[in-house]
Amino acid sequence: MGALSTADRLRIATLLKDRPLNVRDLCFITGLPQNLVSYDLRVMKEGGIVHSEKKGRETVYSVTDRDTLGTMIHAARSLLDREDVT
């Protein structure tokens, strides 16, 4: 669950669940700096949440398993919400 332990990673995972995106697109959509998006993607990739694919000069990220990710996002959001309350 560590790969989805921040609100930013949950947001990125939710976006990637809909369609593959590159770092530039994720930065534009989320408003997050490139270094943070790249770091979050690396953590999620190491956790098996996303995978990358080279397409020309850019690297495109997508989720490894959409159905499982939906369940994981729901569980992670519940845990983050619980932490905000306490």
Protein backbone atom coordinates (compact mmCIF):
# COMPACT_ATOMS: atom_id res chain seq x y z
CA MET A 1 0.00 0.00 0.00
CA GLY A 2 3.06 2.29 0.36
CA ALA A 3 2.99 2.94 -3.37
CA LEU A 4 -0.36 4.68 -2.86
CA SER A 5 0.38 6.25 0.51
CA THR A 6 0.03 9.90 -0.51
CA ALA A 7 -2.81 11.92 -1.96
CA ASP A 8 -0.60 12.87 -4.95
CA ARG A 9 0.07 9.21 -5.80
CA LEU A 10 -3.63 8.41 -5.52
CA ARG A 11 -4.43 11.24 -7.90
CA ILE A 12 -1.76 10.12 -10.39
CA ALA A 13 -2.94 6.50 -10.20
CA THR A 14 -6.53 7.59 -10.76
CA LEU A 15 -5.51 9.56 -13.84
CA LEU A 16 -3.48 6.64 -15.20
CA LYS A 17 -6.40 4.30 -14.61
CA ASP A 18 -8.30 6.22 -17.29
CA ARG A 19 -5.51 6.44 -19.89
CA PRO A 20 -1.73 6.21 -20.32
CA LEU A 21 0.09 9.53 -19.78
CA ASN A 22 3.64 10.85 -19.81
CA VAL A 23 5.31 12.89 -17.05
CA ARG A 24 4.71 16.20 -18.85
CA ASP A 25 0.99 15.53 -19.15
CA LEU A 26 0.74 14.45 -15.52
CA CYS A 27 2.52 17.64 -14.42
CA PHE A 28 0.15 19.77 -16.48
CA ILE A 29 -2.99 18.03 -15.20
CA THR A 30 -1.99 17.85 -11.53
CA GLY A 31 -0.01 21.08 -11.25
CA LEU A 32 2.75 19.12 -9.49
CA PRO A 33 6.44 19.74 -10.27
CA GLN A 34 8.22 17.30 -12.56
CA ASN A 35 10.59 16.01 -9.89
CA LEU A 36 7.67 15.04 -7.61
CA VAL A 37 5.70 13.36 -10.40
CA SER A 38 8.79 11.45 -11.51
CA TYR A 39 9.52 10.35 -7.94
CA ASP A 40 5.91 9.24 -7.35
CA LEU A 41 5.91 7.29 -10.62
CA ARG A 42 9.16 5.56 -9.64
CA VAL A 43 7.70 4.55 -6.26
CA MET A 44 4.50 3.29 -7.91
CA LYS A 45 6.52 1.42 -10.54
CA GLU A 46 8.63 -0.27 -7.85
CA GLY A 47 5.38 -1.18 -6.07
CA GLY A 48 3.98 -2.81 -9.21
CA ILE A 49 1.18 -0.26 -9.61
CA VAL A 50 2.32 1.21 -12.93
CA HIS A 51 4.60 0.24 -15.78
CA SER A 52 6.33 2.34 -18.39
CA GLU A 53 6.76 2.02 -22.12
CA LYS A 54 9.00 4.00 -24.46
CA LYS A 55 7.12 5.62 -27.32
CA GLY A 56 9.57 7.52 -29.44
CA ARG A 57 11.33 10.09 -27.27
CA GLU A 58 8.88 9.94 -24.38
CA THR A 59 8.03 7.41 -21.74
CA VAL A 60 4.35 6.68 -21.23
CA TYR A 61 3.03 5.30 -17.95
CA SER A 62 -0.05 3.16 -17.46
CA VAL A 63 -1.47 0.96 -14.71
CA THR A 64 -0.62 -2.71 -14.52
CA ASP A 65 -4.11 -3.94 -13.53
CA ARG A 66 -7.08 -1.56 -13.72
CA ASP A 67 -9.52 -3.70 -11.72
CA THR A 68 -7.15 -4.38 -8.85
CA LEU A 69 -6.01 -0.76 -8.82
CA GLY A 70 -9.61 0.42 -8.37
CA THR A 71 -9.89 -1.63 -5.19
CA MET A 72 -6.48 -0.45 -3.98
CA ILE A 73 -7.35 3.22 -4.59
CA HIS A 74 -10.57 2.83 -2.62
CA ALA A 75 -8.74 1.20 0.30
CA ALA A 76 -5.92 3.77 0.27
CA ARG A 77 -8.37 6.69 0.22
CA SER A 78 -10.18 5.20 3.20
CA LEU A 79 -6.90 4.97 5.11
CA LEU A 80 -5.87 8.52 4.19
CA ASP A 81 -9.29 9.84 5.22
CA ARG A 82 -8.97 8.02 8.54
CA GLU A 83 -5.56 9.63 9.14
CA ASP A 84 -6.99 13.11 8.42
CA VAL A 85 -9.66 12.63 11.09
CA THR A 86 -7.28 11.64 13.89
